[in-house]
Amino acid sequence: VQEDRLAPTVQSLFQRLGVKDANSEQNRPAINHFMSELLQTLGQENNGQSLPEAIDAARSQLANGTQSTRLDALQSELDTLKGSLGNSDLNLDQLLYAFKQTLPQGPREGVGQLLNASA
């Protein structure tokens, strides 16, 4: 079941990354798909870490060129998403950094709530 609209936190995340029409009918399914892949990958990578720690670990793997096959797969998902959005400037490190900025301090707010729902 596709959502009628993106969660406001996801919309603002992609707007911050330069995607003006993140919630358009064309972009919404691609962004929803990517975000579920992102959350799943971070969940698999986290080894009991909090989400911000998992994001930091993923960013450090990217910086060191030591990313796991899951992060490689996520990178190709992002490449597909960039094709759909027509945004060639997007990179995984930027996206992870911006995503971390959207995280609430409490576990039941914003994206934290999204994560609990999809976990």
N, C-alpha and C. Protein backbone atom coordinates (compact mmCIF):
# COMPACT_ATOMS: atom_id res chain seq x y z
N VAL A 1 0.86 -1.19 0.00
CA VAL A 1 0.00 0.00 0.00
C VAL A 1 0.89 1.24 0.00
N GLN A 2 0.75 2.07 -1.01
CA GLN A 2 1.53 3.29 -1.08
C GLN A 2 0.87 4.39 -0.27
N GLU A 3 1.70 5.17 0.40
CA GLU A 3 1.19 6.31 1.16
C GLU A 3 0.71 7.38 0.18
N ASP A 4 -0.27 8.18 0.62
CA ASP A 4 -0.73 9.30 -0.18
C ASP A 4 0.30 10.41 -0.21
N ARG A 5 1.10 10.49 0.85
CA ARG A 5 2.12 11.52 0.92
C ARG A 5 3.28 11.01 1.75
N LEU A 6 4.41 11.63 1.57
CA LEU A 6 5.58 11.27 2.36
C LEU A 6 5.43 11.86 3.75
N ALA A 7 6.04 11.20 4.72
CA ALA A 7 6.08 11.77 6.06
C ALA A 7 6.77 13.13 5.99
N PRO A 8 6.29 14.12 6.75
CA PRO A 8 6.90 15.46 6.70
C PRO A 8 8.41 15.44 6.92
N THR A 9 8.90 14.57 7.82
CA THR A 9 10.34 14.52 8.07
C THR A 9 11.09 14.03 6.82
N VAL A 10 10.50 13.09 6.10
CA VAL A 10 11.14 12.58 4.89
C VAL A 10 11.09 13.65 3.79
N GLN A 11 9.94 14.33 3.68
CA GLN A 11 9.84 15.42 2.70
C GLN A 11 10.90 16.48 2.97
N SER A 12 11.03 16.90 4.24
CA SER A 12 11.99 17.96 4.53
C SER A 12 13.42 17.47 4.33
N LEU A 13 13.67 16.19 4.61
CA LEU A 13 15.00 15.62 4.36
C LEU A 13 15.36 15.78 2.89
N PHE A 14 14.46 15.37 1.99
CA PHE A 14 14.78 15.44 0.57
C PHE A 14 14.76 16.87 0.04
N GLN A 15 13.93 17.72 0.62
CA GLN A 15 13.98 19.13 0.23
C GLN A 15 15.31 19.74 0.62
N ARG A 16 15.80 19.38 1.80
CA ARG A 16 17.11 19.87 2.24
C ARG A 16 18.21 19.40 1.29
N LEU A 17 18.01 18.26 0.67
CA LEU A 17 18.99 17.70 -0.27
C LEU A 17 18.76 18.21 -1.70
N GLY A 18 17.83 19.14 -1.86
CA GLY A 18 17.64 19.76 -3.17
C GLY A 18 16.56 19.14 -4.03
N VAL A 19 15.75 18.23 -3.48
CA VAL A 19 14.66 17.63 -4.24
C VAL A 19 13.39 18.43 -3.92
N LYS A 20 13.03 19.32 -4.82
CA LYS A 20 11.92 20.25 -4.54
C LYS A 20 10.57 19.55 -4.48
N ASP A 21 10.35 18.60 -5.35
CA ASP A 21 9.04 17.96 -5.46
C ASP A 21 9.08 16.52 -4.96
N ALA A 22 9.64 16.35 -3.76
CA ALA A 22 9.80 15.01 -3.18
C ALA A 22 8.46 14.28 -3.06
N ASN A 23 7.40 15.02 -2.80
CA ASN A 23 6.10 14.40 -2.55
C ASN A 23 5.27 14.23 -3.82
N SER A 24 5.84 14.48 -4.98
CA SER A 24 5.07 14.33 -6.21
C SER A 24 4.72 12.86 -6.43
N GLU A 25 3.68 12.63 -7.21
CA GLU A 25 3.22 11.25 -7.45
C GLU A 25 4.32 10.39 -8.07
N GLN A 26 5.16 11.02 -8.87
CA GLN A 26 6.24 10.29 -9.53
C GLN A 26 7.36 9.96 -8.55
N ASN A 27 7.71 10.89 -7.67
CA ASN A 27 8.87 10.71 -6.79
C ASN A 27 8.57 9.94 -5.52
N ARG A 28 7.35 10.05 -5.03
CA ARG A 28 6.99 9.45 -3.74
C ARG A 28 7.30 7.95 -3.66
N PRO A 29 6.88 7.14 -4.65
CA PRO A 29 7.16 5.69 -4.54
C PRO A 29 8.67 5.41 -4.51
N ALA A 30 9.44 6.13 -5.32
CA ALA A 30 10.89 5.90 -5.37
C ALA A 30 11.53 6.27 -4.04
N ILE A 31 11.09 7.38 -3.45
CA ILE A 31 11.65 7.81 -2.16
C ILE A 31 11.23 6.85 -1.06
N ASN A 32 9.96 6.45 -1.06
CA ASN A 32 9.51 5.48 -0.05
C ASN A 32 10.32 4.19 -0.12
N HIS A 33 10.54 3.71 -1.34
CA HIS A 33 11.31 2.48 -1.53
C HIS A 33 12.73 2.67 -1.00
N PHE A 34 13.36 3.78 -1.36
CA PHE A 34 14.73 4.01 -0.91
C PHE A 34 14.80 4.12 0.61
N MET A 35 13.86 4.84 1.21
CA MET A 35 13.90 5.02 2.66
C MET A 35 13.71 3.69 3.38
N SER A 36 12.86 2.81 2.85
CA SER A 36 12.70 1.51 3.51
C SER A 36 13.99 0.69 3.37
N GLU A 37 14.66 0.78 2.21
CA GLU A 37 15.95 0.10 2.04
C GLU A 37 17.00 0.68 2.99
N LEU A 38 16.99 2.01 3.13
CA LEU A 38 17.93 2.68 4.02
C LEU A 38 17.74 2.20 5.46
N LEU A 39 16.49 2.21 5.92
CA LEU A 39 16.21 1.80 7.29
C LEU A 39 16.56 0.33 7.52
N GLN A 40 16.26 -0.49 6.53
CA GLN A 40 16.58 -1.92 6.64
C GLN A 40 18.09 -2.12 6.71
N THR A 41 18.82 -1.42 5.85
CA THR A 41 20.28 -1.54 5.84
C THR A 41 20.87 -1.08 7.16
N LEU A 42 20.42 0.08 7.64
CA LEU A 42 20.95 0.58 8.92
C LEU A 42 20.60 -0.37 10.05
N GLY A 43 19.42 -0.97 9.99
CA GLY A 43 19.02 -1.95 11.00
C GLY A 43 19.92 -3.17 10.99
N GLN A 44 20.28 -3.63 9.78
CA GLN A 44 21.14 -4.81 9.65
C GLN A 44 22.58 -4.49 10.05
N GLU A 45 22.98 -3.24 9.83
CA GLU A 45 24.36 -2.85 10.09
C GLU A 45 24.61 -2.48 11.54
N ASN A 46 23.54 -2.22 12.31
CA ASN A 46 23.76 -1.51 13.57
C ASN A 46 24.30 -2.34 14.73
N ASN A 47 24.17 -3.65 14.71
CA ASN A 47 24.72 -4.49 15.79
C ASN A 47 24.42 -3.94 17.18
N GLY A 48 23.16 -3.57 17.40
CA GLY A 48 22.76 -3.10 18.71
C GLY A 48 23.03 -1.62 18.98
N GLN A 49 23.56 -0.92 17.98
CA GLN A 49 23.82 0.51 18.15
C GLN A 49 22.51 1.28 18.01
N SER A 50 22.53 2.52 18.48
CA SER A 50 21.40 3.41 18.22
C SER A 50 21.44 3.80 16.74
N LEU A 51 20.35 4.33 16.24
CA LEU A 51 20.31 4.75 14.84
C LEU A 51 21.38 5.80 14.53
N PRO A 52 21.55 6.85 15.36
CA PRO A 52 22.62 7.82 15.06
C PRO A 52 24.01 7.16 15.01
N GLU A 53 24.26 6.20 15.90
CA GLU A 53 25.56 5.50 15.88
C GLU A 53 25.69 4.66 14.61
N ALA A 54 24.60 4.03 14.18
CA ALA A 54 24.64 3.22 12.96
C ALA A 54 24.91 4.12 11.75
N ILE A 55 24.32 5.31 11.74
CA ILE A 55 24.56 6.27 10.65
C ILE A 55 26.02 6.69 10.65
N ASP A 56 26.56 7.02 11.84
CA ASP A 56 27.97 7.41 11.93
C ASP A 56 28.88 6.29 11.45
N ALA A 57 28.57 5.06 11.84
CA ALA A 57 29.39 3.91 11.43
C ALA A 57 29.34 3.74 9.91
N ALA A 58 28.16 3.89 9.33
CA ALA A 58 28.03 3.77 7.87
C ALA A 58 28.81 4.88 7.16
N ARG A 59 28.72 6.10 7.68
CA ARG A 59 29.45 7.22 7.08
C ARG A 59 30.95 7.01 7.18
N SER A 60 31.40 6.45 8.29
CA SER A 60 32.84 6.23 8.43
C SER A 60 33.31 5.12 7.50
N GLN A 61 32.48 4.10 7.30
CA GLN A 61 32.82 3.06 6.31
C GLN A 61 32.93 3.66 4.91
N LEU A 62 31.99 4.56 4.57
CA LEU A 62 32.04 5.21 3.26
C LEU A 62 33.31 6.04 3.12
N ALA A 63 33.64 6.78 4.17
CA ALA A 63 34.83 7.64 4.13
C ALA A 63 36.11 6.83 3.98
N ASN A 64 36.14 5.65 4.62
CA ASN A 64 37.34 4.80 4.58
C ASN A 64 37.36 3.87 3.38
N GLY A 65 36.27 3.83 2.62
CA GLY A 65 36.20 2.91 1.49
C GLY A 65 36.07 1.46 1.92
N THR A 66 35.55 1.24 3.13
CA THR A 66 35.43 -0.13 3.66
C THR A 66 33.98 -0.56 3.79
N GLN A 67 33.11 0.02 2.96
CA GLN A 67 31.69 -0.27 3.16
C GLN A 67 31.36 -1.73 2.87
N SER A 68 30.38 -2.20 3.61
CA SER A 68 29.92 -3.57 3.48
C SER A 68 29.15 -3.74 2.16
N THR A 69 28.86 -4.98 1.83
CA THR A 69 28.07 -5.24 0.63
C THR A 69 26.67 -4.63 0.77
N ARG A 70 26.15 -4.58 2.01
CA ARG A 70 24.83 -3.95 2.20
C ARG A 70 24.88 -2.47 1.87
N LEU A 71 25.96 -1.79 2.29
CA LEU A 71 26.09 -0.37 1.95
C LEU A 71 26.32 -0.18 0.45
N ASP A 72 27.05 -1.10 -0.17
CA ASP A 72 27.21 -1.04 -1.63
C ASP A 72 25.85 -1.15 -2.32
N ALA A 73 25.03 -2.08 -1.81
CA ALA A 73 23.69 -2.26 -2.39
C ALA A 73 22.85 -1.00 -2.18
N LEU A 74 22.99 -0.38 -1.01
CA LEU A 74 22.26 0.86 -0.74
C LEU A 74 22.73 1.98 -1.67
N GLN A 75 24.03 2.00 -1.95
CA GLN A 75 24.58 3.00 -2.88
C GLN A 75 23.94 2.82 -4.26
N SER A 76 23.77 1.58 -4.72
CA SER A 76 23.15 1.40 -6.02
C SER A 76 21.66 1.74 -5.98
N GLU A 77 21.01 1.52 -4.83
CA GLU A 77 19.61 1.97 -4.67
C GLU A 77 19.55 3.50 -4.80
N LEU A 78 20.54 4.18 -4.22
CA LEU A 78 20.58 5.64 -4.30
C LEU A 78 20.80 6.09 -5.74
N ASP A 79 21.66 5.36 -6.46
CA ASP A 79 21.88 5.71 -7.86
C ASP A 79 20.59 5.58 -8.66
N THR A 80 19.81 4.54 -8.38
CA THR A 80 18.51 4.37 -9.02
C THR A 80 17.57 5.52 -8.66
N LEU A 81 17.57 5.87 -7.38
CA LEU A 81 16.72 6.98 -6.92
C LEU A 81 17.13 8.28 -7.59
N LYS A 82 18.44 8.53 -7.71
CA LYS A 82 18.91 9.75 -8.36
C LYS A 82 18.42 9.81 -9.79
N GLY A 83 18.41 8.65 -10.46
CA GLY A 83 17.88 8.59 -11.82
C GLY A 83 16.42 8.97 -11.87
N SER A 84 15.65 8.47 -10.90
CA SER A 84 14.21 8.77 -10.85
C SER A 84 13.97 10.24 -10.54
N LEU A 85 14.77 10.80 -9.64
CA LEU A 85 14.56 12.18 -9.21
C LEU A 85 15.23 13.19 -10.14
N GLY A 86 16.15 12.70 -10.98
CA GLY A 86 16.90 13.61 -11.82
C GLY A 86 17.85 14.48 -10.99
N ASN A 87 18.33 13.95 -9.88
CA ASN A 87 19.24 14.70 -9.02
C ASN A 87 20.57 13.98 -8.98
N SER A 88 21.52 14.46 -9.75
CA SER A 88 22.79 13.75 -9.85
C SER A 88 23.77 14.15 -8.75
N ASP A 89 23.43 15.16 -7.96
CA ASP A 89 24.35 15.64 -6.93
C ASP A 89 24.27 14.86 -5.63
N LEU A 90 23.20 14.10 -5.47
CA LEU A 90 22.97 13.39 -4.22
C LEU A 90 24.04 12.33 -3.99
N ASN A 91 24.64 12.31 -2.79
CA ASN A 91 25.52 11.19 -2.47
C ASN A 91 25.14 10.60 -1.12
N LEU A 92 25.54 9.36 -0.91
CA LEU A 92 25.07 8.61 0.25
C LEU A 92 25.54 9.24 1.56
N ASP A 93 26.78 9.74 1.58
CA ASP A 93 27.28 10.37 2.80
C ASP A 93 26.43 11.59 3.17
N GLN A 94 26.16 12.45 2.19
CA GLN A 94 25.31 13.63 2.42
C GLN A 94 23.94 13.22 2.93
N LEU A 95 23.39 12.21 2.27
CA LEU A 95 22.05 11.77 2.63
C LEU A 95 22.03 11.24 4.07
N LEU A 96 23.02 10.45 4.44
CA LEU A 96 23.09 9.92 5.80
C LEU A 96 23.26 11.05 6.81
N TYR A 97 24.10 12.03 6.48
CA TYR A 97 24.31 13.15 7.38
C TYR A 97 23.00 13.93 7.57
N ALA A 98 22.34 14.24 6.46
CA ALA A 98 21.08 14.99 6.54
C ALA A 98 20.01 14.18 7.28
N PHE A 99 19.99 12.86 7.04
CA PHE A 99 19.02 11.99 7.72
C PHE A 99 19.26 12.03 9.23
N LYS A 100 20.52 11.99 9.63
CA LYS A 100 20.83 12.03 11.06
C LYS A 100 20.34 13.35 11.67
N GLN A 101 20.43 14.44 10.90
CA GLN A 101 19.98 15.74 11.40
C GLN A 101 18.47 15.77 11.65
N THR A 102 17.73 14.92 10.93
CA THR A 102 16.28 14.91 11.09
C THR A 102 15.84 14.05 12.29
N LEU A 103 16.77 13.30 12.86
CA LEU A 103 16.39 12.40 13.94
C LEU A 103 16.02 13.18 15.19
N PRO A 104 14.96 12.77 15.84
CA PRO A 104 14.54 13.42 17.07
C PRO A 104 15.42 12.98 18.24
N GLN A 105 15.32 13.70 19.31
CA GLN A 105 16.06 13.31 20.51
C GLN A 105 15.36 12.16 21.23
N GLY A 106 14.04 12.12 21.14
CA GLY A 106 13.28 11.07 21.80
C GLY A 106 12.94 9.94 20.84
N PRO A 107 12.77 8.70 21.32
CA PRO A 107 12.54 7.56 20.44
C PRO A 107 11.15 7.52 19.80
N ARG A 108 10.21 8.31 20.29
CA ARG A 108 8.84 8.22 19.77
C ARG A 108 8.46 9.39 18.88
N GLU A 109 9.44 10.20 18.49
CA GLU A 109 9.13 11.37 17.66
C GLU A 109 9.62 11.16 16.24
N GLY A 110 9.04 11.91 15.32
CA GLY A 110 9.55 12.02 13.96
C GLY A 110 9.93 10.70 13.32
N VAL A 111 11.16 10.66 12.82
CA VAL A 111 11.64 9.47 12.12
C VAL A 111 11.78 8.31 13.09
N GLY A 112 12.02 8.60 14.38
CA GLY A 112 12.08 7.53 15.37
C GLY A 112 10.79 6.72 15.40
N GLN A 113 9.69 7.43 15.25
CA GLN A 113 8.39 6.78 15.20
C GLN A 113 8.26 5.95 13.92
N LEU A 114 8.73 6.51 12.83
CA LEU A 114 8.76 5.80 11.55
C LEU A 114 9.53 4.49 11.68
N LEU A 115 10.69 4.58 12.35
CA LEU A 115 11.54 3.40 12.50
C LEU A 115 10.86 2.33 13.32
N ASN A 116 10.22 2.74 14.39
CA ASN A 116 9.52 1.78 15.24
C ASN A 116 8.41 1.09 14.46
N ALA A 117 7.75 1.84 13.59
CA ALA A 117 6.67 1.29 12.79
C ALA A 117 7.20 0.29 11.78
N SER A 118 8.39 0.56 11.23
CA SER A 118 8.89 -0.31 10.17
C SER A 118 9.80 -1.41 10.71
N ALA A 119 10.13 -1.37 11.98
CA ALA A 119 11.05 -2.37 12.54
C ALA A 119 10.38 -3.73 12.68
